[in-house]
């Protein structure tokens, strides 16, 4: 399994995006969460094409925390089926990756 990942989800409001980001960083499941948006998403849902304004969150974390991150997102997300996908970080600056590892220690507060 990958050592580090980026987890992506989208929301229908900036407020919810910020709440999820603060939750993940506050619980030390992610070292950093970036929020992009608004953006337009076009997708199929329940048999018809939909279009929505969304905000994308990209959380940097350790792969071992994916299940906890997904559960934390689902707990507060407004979507019936939220996007929660992870991409392996194959290469990264060693100093940054050490910081990422140090900042993702659930249960530890600084």
PDB file of N, CA and C in Angstrom:
ATOM      1  N   UNK A   1       0.839  -1.182   0.000  1.00  0.00           N
ATOM      2  CA  UNK A   1       0.000   0.000   0.000  1.00  0.00           C
ATOM      3  C   UNK A   1       0.883   1.243   0.000  1.00  0.00           C
ATOM      4  N   UNK A   2       0.333   2.310  -0.536  1.00  0.00           N
ATOM      5  CA  UNK A   2       1.048   3.580  -0.593  1.00  0.00           C
ATOM      6  C   UNK A   2       1.289   4.130   0.805  1.00  0.00           C
ATOM      7  N   UNK A   3       2.355   4.843   0.965  1.00  0.00           N
ATOM      8  CA  UNK A   3       2.646   5.466   2.248  1.00  0.00           C
ATOM      9  C   UNK A   3       1.844   6.763   2.428  1.00  0.00           C
ATOM     10  N   UNK A   4       1.748   7.546   1.350  1.00  0.00           N
ATOM     11  CA  UNK A   4       1.026   8.818   1.408  1.00  0.00           C
ATOM     12  C   UNK A   4       0.004   8.886   0.289  1.00  0.00           C
ATOM     13  N   UNK A   5      -1.100   9.615   0.553  1.00  0.00           N
ATOM     14  CA  UNK A   5      -2.177   9.751  -0.423  1.00  0.00           C
ATOM     15  C   UNK A   5      -2.718  11.173  -0.422  1.00  0.00           C
ATOM     16  N   UNK A   6      -3.434  11.490  -1.495  1.00  0.00           N
ATOM     17  CA  UNK A   6      -4.291  12.666  -1.551  1.00  0.00           C
ATOM     18  C   UNK A   6      -5.714  12.143  -1.690  1.00  0.00           C
ATOM     19  N   UNK A   7      -6.600  12.609  -0.830  1.00  0.00           N
ATOM     20  CA  UNK A   7      -8.000  12.185  -0.870  1.00  0.00           C
ATOM     21  C   UNK A   7      -8.825  13.357  -1.377  1.00  0.00           C
ATOM     22  N   UNK A   8      -9.673  13.079  -2.366  1.00  0.00           N
ATOM     23  CA  UNK A   8     -10.496  14.123  -2.982  1.00  0.00           C
ATOM     24  C   UNK A   8     -11.961  13.845  -2.695  1.00  0.00           C
ATOM     25  N   UNK A   9     -12.680  14.912  -2.368  1.00  0.00           N
ATOM     26  CA  UNK A   9     -14.133  14.877  -2.278  1.00  0.00           C
ATOM     27  C   UNK A   9     -14.649  16.212  -2.787  1.00  0.00           C
ATOM     28  N   UNK A  10     -15.939  16.272  -3.084  1.00  0.00           N
ATOM     29  CA  UNK A  10     -16.569  17.523  -3.504  1.00  0.00           C
ATOM     30  C   UNK A  10     -17.799  17.767  -2.642  1.00  0.00           C
ATOM     31  N   UNK A  11     -18.161  19.037  -2.504  1.00  0.00           N
ATOM     32  CA  UNK A  11     -19.343  19.411  -1.728  1.00  0.00           C
ATOM     33  C   UNK A  11     -20.151  20.443  -2.508  1.00  0.00           C
ATOM     34  N   UNK A  12     -21.362  20.679  -2.038  1.00  0.00           N
ATOM     35  CA  UNK A  12     -22.227  21.658  -2.698  1.00  0.00           C
ATOM     36  C   UNK A  12     -22.143  23.044  -2.075  1.00  0.00           C
ATOM     37  N   UNK A  13     -21.287  23.226  -1.057  1.00  0.00           N
ATOM     38  CA  UNK A  13     -21.142  24.562  -0.460  1.00  0.00           C
ATOM     39  C   UNK A  13     -19.736  24.745   0.111  1.00  0.00           C
ATOM     40  N   UNK A  14     -19.289  25.974   0.083  1.00  0.00           N
ATOM     41  CA  UNK A  14     -17.980  26.291   0.660  1.00  0.00           C
ATOM     42  C   UNK A  14     -17.996  26.035   2.168  1.00  0.00           C
ATOM     43  N   UNK A  15     -19.118  26.334   2.815  1.00  0.00           N
ATOM     44  CA  UNK A  15     -19.223  26.145   4.258  1.00  0.00           C
ATOM     45  C   UNK A  15     -19.014  24.679   4.639  1.00  0.00           C
ATOM     46  N   UNK A  16     -19.642  23.767   3.903  1.00  0.00           N
ATOM     47  CA  UNK A  16     -19.466  22.347   4.187  1.00  0.00           C
ATOM     48  C   UNK A  16     -18.031  21.916   3.882  1.00  0.00           C
ATOM     49  N   UNK A  17     -17.458  22.438   2.811  1.00  0.00           N
ATOM     50  CA  UNK A  17     -16.066  22.120   2.485  1.00  0.00           C
ATOM     51  C   UNK A  17     -15.145  22.535   3.632  1.00  0.00           C
ATOM     52  N   UNK A  18     -15.366  23.727   4.158  1.00  0.00           N
ATOM     53  CA  UNK A  18     -14.533  24.195   5.274  1.00  0.00           C
ATOM     54  C   UNK A  18     -14.755  23.357   6.530  1.00  0.00           C
ATOM     55  N   UNK A  19     -15.991  22.952   6.778  1.00  0.00           N
ATOM     56  CA  UNK A  19     -16.272  22.122   7.955  1.00  0.00           C
ATOM     57  C   UNK A  19     -15.565  20.770   7.850  1.00  0.00           C
ATOM     58  N   UNK A  20     -15.614  20.157   6.674  1.00  0.00           N
ATOM     59  CA  UNK A  20     -14.919  18.884   6.476  1.00  0.00           C
ATOM     60  C   UNK A  20     -13.411  19.082   6.621  1.00  0.00           C
ATOM     61  N   UNK A  21     -12.875  20.117   6.008  1.00  0.00           N
ATOM     62  CA  UNK A  21     -11.425  20.379   6.079  1.00  0.00           C
ATOM     63  C   UNK A  21     -10.977  20.585   7.525  1.00  0.00           C
ATOM     64  N   UNK A  22     -11.708  21.396   8.271  1.00  0.00           N
ATOM     65  CA  UNK A  22     -11.334  21.648   9.666  1.00  0.00           C
ATOM     66  C   UNK A  22     -11.434  20.377  10.506  1.00  0.00           C
ATOM     67  N   UNK A  23     -12.408  19.547  10.212  1.00  0.00           N
ATOM     68  CA  UNK A  23     -12.561  18.285  10.931  1.00  0.00           C
ATOM     69  C   UNK A  23     -11.372  17.365  10.668  1.00  0.00           C
ATOM     70  N   UNK A  24     -10.990  17.219   9.403  1.00  0.00           N
ATOM     71  CA  UNK A  24      -9.880  16.319   9.054  1.00  0.00           C
ATOM     72  C   UNK A  24      -8.552  16.800   9.629  1.00  0.00           C
ATOM     73  N   UNK A  25      -8.301  18.095   9.525  1.00  0.00           N
ATOM     74  CA  UNK A  25      -7.048  18.644  10.063  1.00  0.00           C
ATOM     75  C   UNK A  25      -7.092  18.655  11.587  1.00  0.00           C
ATOM     76  N   UNK A  26      -8.232  19.028  12.154  1.00  0.00           N
ATOM     77  CA  UNK A  26      -8.370  19.063  13.611  1.00  0.00           C
ATOM     78  C   UNK A  26      -8.197  17.701  14.254  1.00  0.00           C
ATOM     79  N   UNK A  27      -8.683  16.656  13.584  1.00  0.00           N
ATOM     80  CA  UNK A  27      -8.529  15.295  14.092  1.00  0.00           C
ATOM     81  C   UNK A  27      -7.204  14.674  13.667  1.00  0.00           C
ATOM     82  N   UNK A  28      -6.392  15.452  12.967  1.00  0.00           N
ATOM     83  CA  UNK A  28      -5.055  15.052  12.503  1.00  0.00           C
ATOM     84  C   UNK A  28      -5.092  13.864  11.551  1.00  0.00           C
ATOM     85  N   UNK A  29      -6.208  13.730  10.842  1.00  0.00           N
ATOM     86  CA  UNK A  29      -6.299  12.719   9.794  1.00  0.00           C
ATOM     87  C   UNK A  29      -5.683  13.229   8.493  1.00  0.00           C
ATOM     88  N   UNK A  30      -5.560  14.535   8.363  1.00  0.00           N
ATOM     89  CA  UNK A  30      -4.919  15.162   7.205  1.00  0.00           C
ATOM     90  C   UNK A  30      -3.994  16.256   7.704  1.00  0.00           C
ATOM     91  N   UNK A  31      -2.848  16.388   7.060  1.00  0.00           N
ATOM     92  CA  UNK A  31      -1.912  17.457   7.417  1.00  0.00           C
ATOM     93  C   UNK A  31      -2.378  18.781   6.824  1.00  0.00           C
ATOM     94  N   UNK A  32      -3.041  18.703   5.679  1.00  0.00           N
ATOM     95  CA  UNK A  32      -3.469  19.889   4.948  1.00  0.00           C
ATOM     96  C   UNK A  32      -4.659  19.513   4.087  1.00  0.00           C
ATOM     97  N   UNK A  33      -5.626  20.413   3.982  1.00  0.00           N
ATOM     98  CA  UNK A  33      -6.739  20.231   3.043  1.00  0.00           C
ATOM     99  C   UNK A  33      -6.866  21.521   2.246  1.00  0.00           C
ATOM    100  N   UNK A  34      -6.793  21.390   0.942  1.00  0.00           N
ATOM    101  CA  UNK A  34      -6.978  22.536   0.065  1.00  0.00           C
ATOM    102  C   UNK A  34      -8.388  22.520  -0.490  1.00  0.00           C
ATOM    103  N   UNK A  35      -8.977  23.706  -0.626  1.00  0.00           N
ATOM    104  CA  UNK A  35     -10.337  23.846  -1.148  1.00  0.00           C
ATOM    105  C   UNK A  35     -10.278  24.665  -2.428  1.00  0.00           C
ATOM    106  N   UNK A  36     -10.802  24.094  -3.514  1.00  0.00           N
ATOM    107  CA  UNK A  36     -10.897  24.774  -4.808  1.00  0.00           C
ATOM    108  C   UNK A  36     -12.362  24.992  -5.132  1.00  0.00           C
ATOM    109  N   UNK A  37     -12.643  26.090  -5.802  1.00  0.00           N
ATOM    110  CA  UNK A  37     -14.002  26.278  -6.286  1.00  0.00           C
ATOM    111  C   UNK A  37     -14.417  27.729  -6.228  1.00  0.00           C
ATOM    112  N   UNK A  38     -15.598  27.984  -6.652  1.00  0.00           N
ATOM    113  CA  UNK A  38     -16.529  26.996  -7.174  1.00  0.00           C
ATOM    114  C   UNK A  38     -16.120  26.513  -8.565  1.00  0.00           C
ATOM    115  N   UNK A  39     -16.588  25.324  -8.887  1.00  0.00           N
ATOM    116  CA  UNK A  39     -16.383  24.725 -10.196  1.00  0.00           C
ATOM    117  C   UNK A  39     -17.700  24.102 -10.620  1.00  0.00           C
ATOM    118  N   UNK A  40     -17.810  23.776 -11.896  1.00  0.00           N
ATOM    119  CA  UNK A  40     -19.021  23.153 -12.420  1.00  0.00           C
ATOM    120  C   UNK A  40     -18.776  21.668 -12.620  1.00  0.00           C
ATOM    121  N   UNK A  41     -19.648  20.848 -12.096  1.00  0.00           N
ATOM    122  CA  UNK A  41     -19.601  19.404 -12.305  1.00  0.00           C
ATOM    123  C   UNK A  41     -20.817  18.983 -13.123  1.00  0.00           C
ATOM    124  N   UNK A  42     -20.584  18.142 -14.105  1.00  0.00           N
ATOM    125  CA  UNK A  42     -21.652  17.591 -14.942  1.00  0.00           C
ATOM    126  C   UNK A  42     -21.563  16.078 -14.808  1.00  0.00           C
ATOM    127  N   UNK A  43     -22.692  15.443 -14.468  1.00  0.00           N
ATOM    128  CA  UNK A  43     -22.672  14.015 -14.151  1.00  0.00           C
ATOM    129  C   UNK A  43     -24.067  13.421 -14.337  1.00  0.00           C
ATOM    130  N   UNK A  44     -24.108  12.101 -14.392  1.00  0.00           N
ATOM    131  CA  UNK A  44     -25.392  11.394 -14.414  1.00  0.00           C
ATOM    132  C   UNK A  44     -25.796  11.061 -12.974  1.00  0.00           C
ATOM    133  N   UNK A  45     -27.066  11.261 -12.670  1.00  0.00           N
ATOM    134  CA  UNK A  45     -27.599  10.889 -11.367  1.00  0.00           C
ATOM    135  C   UNK A  45     -29.050  10.485 -11.544  1.00  0.00           C
ATOM    136  N   UNK A  46     -29.330   9.253 -11.155  1.00  0.00           N
ATOM    137  CA  UNK A  46     -30.687   8.714 -11.219  1.00  0.00           C
ATOM    138  C   UNK A  46     -31.322   8.870 -12.596  1.00  0.00           C
ATOM    139  N   UNK A  47     -30.523   8.503 -13.613  1.00  0.00           N
ATOM    140  CA  UNK A  47     -31.037   8.434 -14.966  1.00  0.00           C
ATOM    141  C   UNK A  47     -31.063   9.719 -15.759  1.00  0.00           C
ATOM    142  N   UNK A  48     -30.579  10.809 -15.189  1.00  0.00           N
ATOM    143  CA  UNK A  48     -30.546  12.034 -15.981  1.00  0.00           C
ATOM    144  C   UNK A  48     -29.252  12.799 -15.750  1.00  0.00           C
ATOM    145  N   UNK A  49     -28.928  13.636 -16.731  1.00  0.00           N
ATOM    146  CA  UNK A  49     -27.723  14.441 -16.636  1.00  0.00           C
ATOM    147  C   UNK A  49     -27.978  15.626 -15.717  1.00  0.00           C
ATOM    148  N   UNK A  50     -27.058  15.844 -14.792  1.00  0.00           N
ATOM    149  CA  UNK A  50     -27.157  16.939 -13.823  1.00  0.00           C
ATOM    150  C   UNK A  50     -25.972  17.881 -13.980  1.00  0.00           C
ATOM    151  N   UNK A  51     -26.139  19.083 -13.497  1.00  0.00           N
ATOM    152  CA  UNK A  51     -25.058  20.064 -13.444  1.00  0.00           C
ATOM    153  C   UNK A  51     -25.137  20.758 -12.097  1.00  0.00           C
ATOM    154  N   UNK A  52     -23.982  20.906 -11.447  1.00  0.00           N
ATOM    155  CA  UNK A  52     -23.979  21.513 -10.116  1.00  0.00           C
ATOM    156  C   UNK A  52     -22.713  22.328  -9.897  1.00  0.00           C
ATOM    157  N   UNK A  53     -22.843  23.340  -9.065  1.00  0.00           N
ATOM    158  CA  UNK A  53     -21.687  24.100  -8.605  1.00  0.00           C
ATOM    159  C   UNK A  53     -21.135  23.370  -7.379  1.00  0.00           C
ATOM    160  N   UNK A  54     -19.826  23.108  -7.379  1.00  0.00           N
ATOM    161  CA  UNK A  54     -19.223  22.359  -6.284  1.00  0.00           C
ATOM    162  C   UNK A  54     -17.882  22.957  -5.879  1.00  0.00           C
ATOM    163  N   UNK A  55     -17.447  22.534  -4.707  1.00  0.00           N
ATOM    164  CA  UNK A  55     -16.125  22.856  -4.184  1.00  0.00           C
ATOM    165  C   UNK A  55     -15.382  21.543  -3.999  1.00  0.00           C
ATOM    166  N   UNK A  56     -14.107  21.513  -4.418  1.00  0.00           N
ATOM    167  CA  UNK A  56     -13.303  20.298  -4.316  1.00  0.00           C
ATOM    168  C   UNK A  56     -12.319  20.434  -3.153  1.00  0.00           C
ATOM    169  N   UNK A  57     -12.257  19.385  -2.352  1.00  0.00           N
ATOM    170  CA  UNK A  57     -11.286  19.308  -1.258  1.00  0.00           C
ATOM    171  C   UNK A  57     -10.230  18.278  -1.623  1.00  0.00           C
ATOM    172  N   UNK A  58      -8.973  18.612  -1.373  1.00  0.00           N
ATOM    173  CA  UNK A  58      -7.867  17.684  -1.566  1.00  0.00           C
ATOM    174  C   UNK A  58      -7.120  17.601  -0.246  1.00  0.00           C
ATOM    175  N   UNK A  59      -7.198  16.442   0.387  1.00  0.00           N
ATOM    176  CA  UNK A  59      -6.578  16.234   1.699  1.00  0.00           C
ATOM    177  C   UNK A  59      -5.302  15.423   1.534  1.00  0.00           C
ATOM    178  N   UNK A  60      -4.214  15.880   2.157  1.00  0.00           N
ATOM    179  CA  UNK A  60      -2.950  15.145   2.139  1.00  0.00           C
ATOM    180  C   UNK A  60      -2.825  14.367   3.433  1.00  0.00           C
ATOM    181  N   UNK A  61      -2.545  13.052   3.307  1.00  0.00           N
ATOM    182  CA  UNK A  61      -2.510  12.218   4.491  1.00  0.00           C
ATOM    183  C   UNK A  61      -1.652  10.982   4.256  1.00  0.00           C
ATOM    184  N   UNK A  62      -1.729  10.090   5.242  1.00  0.00           N
ATOM    185  CA  UNK A  62      -1.080   8.787   5.128  1.00  0.00           C
ATOM    186  C   UNK A  62      -2.129   7.771   4.684  1.00  0.00           C
ATOM    187  N   UNK A  63      -1.692   6.820   3.882  1.00  0.00           N
ATOM    188  CA  UNK A  63      -2.605   5.826   3.315  1.00  0.00           C
ATOM    189  C   UNK A  63      -3.330   5.022   4.396  1.00  0.00           C
ATOM    190  N   UNK A  64      -2.675   4.773   5.508  1.00  0.00           N
ATOM    191  CA  UNK A  64      -3.298   3.959   6.563  1.00  0.00           C
ATOM    192  C   UNK A  64      -4.531   4.625   7.153  1.00  0.00           C
ATOM    193  N   UNK A  65      -4.727   5.914   6.909  1.00  0.00           N
ATOM    194  CA  UNK A  65      -5.868   6.632   7.468  1.00  0.00           C
ATOM    195  C   UNK A  65      -7.028   6.775   6.484  1.00  0.00           C
ATOM    196  N   UNK A  66      -6.927   6.150   5.294  1.00  0.00           N
ATOM    197  CA  UNK A  66      -7.992   6.342   4.303  1.00  0.00           C
ATOM    198  C   UNK A  66      -9.370   5.993   4.852  1.00  0.00           C
ATOM    199  N   UNK A  67      -9.516   4.844   5.488  1.00  0.00           N
ATOM    200  CA  UNK A  67     -10.837   4.439   5.989  1.00  0.00           C
ATOM    201  C   UNK A  67     -11.381   5.430   7.017  1.00  0.00           C
ATOM    202  N   UNK A  68     -10.523   5.951   7.881  1.00  0.00           N
ATOM    203  CA  UNK A  68     -10.948   6.939   8.875  1.00  0.00           C
ATOM    204  C   UNK A  68     -11.344   8.253   8.209  1.00  0.00           C
ATOM    205  N   UNK A  69     -10.582   8.651   7.191  1.00  0.00           N
ATOM    206  CA  UNK A  69     -10.906   9.878   6.457  1.00  0.00           C
ATOM    207  C   UNK A  69     -12.253   9.724   5.755  1.00  0.00           C
ATOM    208  N   UNK A  70     -12.453   8.603   5.087  1.00  0.00           N
ATOM    209  CA  UNK A  70     -13.720   8.368   4.385  1.00  0.00           C
ATOM    210  C   UNK A  70     -14.889   8.387   5.364  1.00  0.00           C
ATOM    211  N   UNK A  71     -14.726   7.754   6.517  1.00  0.00           N
ATOM    212  CA  UNK A  71     -15.795   7.740   7.523  1.00  0.00           C
ATOM    213  C   UNK A  71     -16.075   9.148   8.036  1.00  0.00           C
ATOM    214  N   UNK A  72     -15.033   9.933   8.266  1.00  0.00           N
ATOM    215  CA  UNK A  72     -15.203  11.307   8.760  1.00  0.00           C
ATOM    216  C   UNK A  72     -15.939  12.163   7.728  1.00  0.00           C
ATOM    217  N   UNK A  73     -15.606  11.984   6.462  1.00  0.00           N
ATOM    218  CA  UNK A  73     -16.293  12.727   5.397  1.00  0.00           C
ATOM    219  C   UNK A  73     -17.764  12.317   5.337  1.00  0.00           C
ATOM    220  N   UNK A  74     -18.030  11.019   5.331  1.00  0.00           N
ATOM    221  CA  UNK A  74     -19.418  10.543   5.242  1.00  0.00           C
ATOM    222  C   UNK A  74     -20.269  11.017   6.421  1.00  0.00           C
ATOM    223  N   UNK A  75     -19.677  11.143   7.606  1.00  0.00           N
ATOM    224  CA  UNK A  75     -20.441  11.569   8.798  1.00  0.00           C
ATOM    225  C   UNK A  75     -21.097  12.934   8.622  1.00  0.00           C
ATOM    226  N   UNK A  76     -20.440  13.843   7.912  1.00  0.00           N
ATOM    227  CA  UNK A  76     -20.970  15.209   7.805  1.00  0.00           C
ATOM    228  C   UNK A  76     -21.406  15.600   6.396  1.00  0.00           C
ATOM    229  N   UNK A  77     -21.145  14.751   5.424  1.00  0.00           N
ATOM    230  CA  UNK A  77     -21.417  15.111   4.022  1.00  0.00           C
ATOM    231  C   UNK A  77     -22.914  15.136   3.746  1.00  0.00           C
ATOM    232  N   UNK A  78     -23.302  16.024   2.861  1.00  0.00           N
ATOM    233  CA  UNK A  78     -24.721  16.165   2.513  1.00  0.00           C
ATOM    234  C   UNK A  78     -25.137  15.271   1.348  1.00  0.00           C
ATOM    235  N   UNK A  79     -24.191  14.702   0.614  1.00  0.00           N
ATOM    236  CA  UNK A  79     -24.530  13.881  -0.552  1.00  0.00           C
ATOM    237  C   UNK A  79     -24.867  12.459  -0.128  1.00  0.00           C
ATOM    238  N   UNK A  80     -25.792  11.866  -0.853  1.00  0.00           N
ATOM    239  CA  UNK A  80     -26.127  10.460  -0.634  1.00  0.00           C
ATOM    240  C   UNK A  80     -24.942   9.555  -0.980  1.00  0.00           C
ATOM    241  N   UNK A  81     -24.242   9.905  -2.070  1.00  0.00           N
ATOM    242  CA  UNK A  81     -23.060   9.155  -2.496  1.00  0.00           C
ATOM    243  C   UNK A  81     -21.929  10.155  -2.761  1.00  0.00           C
ATOM    244  N   UNK A  82     -21.197  10.544  -1.722  1.00  0.00           N
ATOM    245  CA  UNK A  82     -20.118  11.511  -1.945  1.00  0.00           C
ATOM    246  C   UNK A  82     -18.928  10.879  -2.666  1.00  0.00           C
ATOM    247  N   UNK A  83     -18.281  11.682  -3.475  1.00  0.00           N
ATOM    248  CA  UNK A  83     -17.014  11.261  -4.081  1.00  0.00           C
ATOM    249  C   UNK A  83     -15.972  11.217  -2.970  1.00  0.00           C
ATOM    250  N   UNK A  84     -15.338  10.078  -2.806  1.00  0.00           N
ATOM    251  CA  UNK A  84     -14.223   9.944  -1.867  1.00  0.00           C
ATOM    252  C   UNK A  84     -13.223   9.023  -2.554  1.00  0.00           C
ATOM    253  N   UNK A  85     -12.211   9.625  -3.171  1.00  0.00           N
ATOM    254  CA  UNK A  85     -11.217   8.840  -3.882  1.00  0.00           C
ATOM    255  C   UNK A  85      -9.820   9.239  -3.435  1.00  0.00           C
ATOM    256  N   UNK A  86      -8.908   8.294  -3.514  1.00  0.00           N
ATOM    257  CA  UNK A  86      -7.533   8.557  -3.102  1.00  0.00           C
ATOM    258  C   UNK A  86      -6.582   8.281  -4.252  1.00  0.00           C
ATOM    259  N   UNK A  87      -5.565   9.109  -4.318  1.00  0.00           N
ATOM    260  CA  UNK A  87      -4.486   8.942  -5.280  1.00  0.00           C
ATOM    261  C   UNK A  87      -3.192   8.796  -4.501  1.00  0.00           C
ATOM    262  N   UNK A  88      -2.418   7.817  -4.879  1.00  0.00           N
ATOM    263  CA  UNK A  88      -1.137   7.587  -4.227  1.00  0.00           C
ATOM    264  C   UNK A  88      -0.160   8.703  -4.584  1.00  0.00           C
ATOM    265  N   UNK A  89       0.568   9.175  -3.587  1.00  0.00           N
ATOM    266  CA  UNK A  89       1.660  10.124  -3.815  1.00  0.00           C
ATOM    267  C   UNK A  89       2.909   9.282  -4.048  1.00  0.00           C
ATOM    268  N   UNK A  90       3.368   9.257  -5.279  1.00  0.00           N
ATOM    269  CA  UNK A  90       4.499   8.406  -5.639  1.00  0.00           C
ATOM    270  C   UNK A  90       5.828   9.078  -5.289  1.00  0.00           C
ATOM    271  N   UNK A  91       5.933  10.342  -5.582  1.00  0.00           N
ATOM    272  CA  UNK A  91       7.154  11.099  -5.290  1.00  0.00           C
ATOM    273  C   UNK A  91       6.772  12.371  -4.557  1.00  0.00           C
ATOM    274  N   UNK A  92       7.669  12.834  -3.701  1.00  0.00           N
ATOM    275  CA  UNK A  92       7.454  14.095  -3.012  1.00  0.00           C
ATOM    276  C   UNK A  92       8.734  14.546  -2.346  1.00  0.00           C
ATOM    277  N   UNK A  93       8.791  15.825  -2.081  1.00  0.00           N
ATOM    278  CA  UNK A  93       9.934  16.379  -1.367  1.00  0.00           C
ATOM    279  C   UNK A  93      10.011  15.733   0.013  1.00  0.00           C
ATOM    280  N   UNK A  94      11.157  15.202   0.360  1.00  0.00           N
ATOM    281  CA  UNK A  94      11.310  14.475   1.630  1.00  0.00           C
ATOM    282  C   UNK A  94      10.961  15.335   2.836  1.00  0.00           C
ATOM    283  N   UNK A  95      11.328  16.605   2.802  1.00  0.00           N
ATOM    284  CA  UNK A  95      11.003  17.492   3.924  1.00  0.00           C
ATOM    285  C   UNK A  95       9.497  17.638   4.070  1.00  0.00           C
ATOM    286  N   UNK A  96       8.792  17.812   2.947  1.00  0.00           N
ATOM    287  CA  UNK A  96       7.337  17.926   2.971  1.00  0.00           C
ATOM    288  C   UNK A  96       6.704  16.633   3.470  1.00  0.00           C
ATOM    289  N   UNK A  97       7.190  15.490   2.987  1.00  0.00           N
ATOM    290  CA  UNK A  97       6.606  14.212   3.393  1.00  0.00           C
ATOM    291  C   UNK A  97       6.850  13.921   4.875  1.00  0.00           C
ATOM    292  N   UNK A  98       7.985  14.337   5.413  1.00  0.00           N
ATOM    293  CA  UNK A  98       8.224  14.187   6.862  1.00  0.00           C
ATOM    294  C   UNK A  98       7.234  15.044   7.640  1.00  0.00           C
ATOM    295  N   UNK A  99       7.002  16.286   7.172  1.00  0.00           N
ATOM    296  CA  UNK A  99       6.024  17.164   7.818  1.00  0.00           C
ATOM    297  C   UNK A  99       4.634  16.532   7.752  1.00  0.00           C
ATOM    298  N   UNK A 100       4.259  15.998   6.584  1.00  0.00           N
ATOM    299  CA  UNK A 100       2.959  15.367   6.417  1.00  0.00           C
ATOM    300  C   UNK A 100       2.795  14.218   7.415  1.00  0.00           C
ATOM    301  N   UNK A 101       3.824  13.405   7.542  1.00  0.00           N
ATOM    302  CA  UNK A 101       3.757  12.277   8.469  1.00  0.00           C
ATOM    303  C   UNK A 101       3.646  12.750   9.923  1.00  0.00           C
ATOM    304  N   UNK A 102       4.407  13.767  10.264  1.00  0.00           N
ATOM    305  CA  UNK A 102       4.398  14.272  11.643  1.00  0.00           C
ATOM    306  C   UNK A 102       3.038  14.885  12.014  1.00  0.00           C
ATOM    307  N   UNK A 103       2.399  15.533  11.057  1.00  0.00           N
ATOM    308  CA  UNK A 103       1.135  16.234  11.334  1.00  0.00           C
ATOM    309  C   UNK A 103      -0.090  15.331  11.271  1.00  0.00           C
ATOM    310  N   UNK A 104       0.077  14.101  10.855  1.00  0.00           N
ATOM    311  CA  UNK A 104      -1.059  13.173  10.778  1.00  0.00           C
ATOM    312  C   UNK A 104      -0.896  12.100  11.825  1.00  0.00           C
ATOM    313  N   UNK A 105      -1.235  12.441  13.013  1.00  0.00           N
ATOM    314  CA  UNK A 105      -1.163  11.518  14.145  1.00  0.00           C
ATOM    315  C   UNK A 105      -2.458  11.664  14.944  1.00  0.00           C
ATOM    316  N   UNK A 106      -3.514  10.936  14.532  1.00  0.00           N
ATOM    317  CA  UNK A 106      -4.799  11.047  15.244  1.00  0.00           C
ATOM    318  C   UNK A 106      -4.647  10.813  16.737  1.00  0.00           C
ATOM    319  N   UNK A 107      -5.379  11.616  17.487  1.00  0.00           N
ATOM    320  CA  UNK A 107      -5.342  11.498  18.936  1.00  0.00           C
ATOM    321  C   UNK A 107      -4.263  12.349  19.594  1.00  0.00           C
ATOM    322  N   UNK A 108      -3.378  12.932  18.776  1.00  0.00           N
ATOM    323  CA  UNK A 108      -2.290  13.752  19.300  1.00  0.00           C
ATOM    324  C   UNK A 108      -2.586  15.198  18.962  1.00  0.00           C
ATOM    325  N   UNK A 109      -2.654  16.037  19.945  1.00  0.00           N
ATOM    326  CA  UNK A 109      -2.875  17.476  19.733  1.00  0.00           C
ATOM    327  C   UNK A 109      -1.596  18.220  20.105  1.00  0.00           C
ATOM    328  N   UNK A 110      -1.285  19.235  19.325  1.00  0.00           N
ATOM    329  CA  UNK A 110      -0.115  20.059  19.633  1.00  0.00           C
ATOM    330  C   UNK A 110      -0.535  21.315  20.327  1.00  0.00           C
TER     331      UNK A 110
END
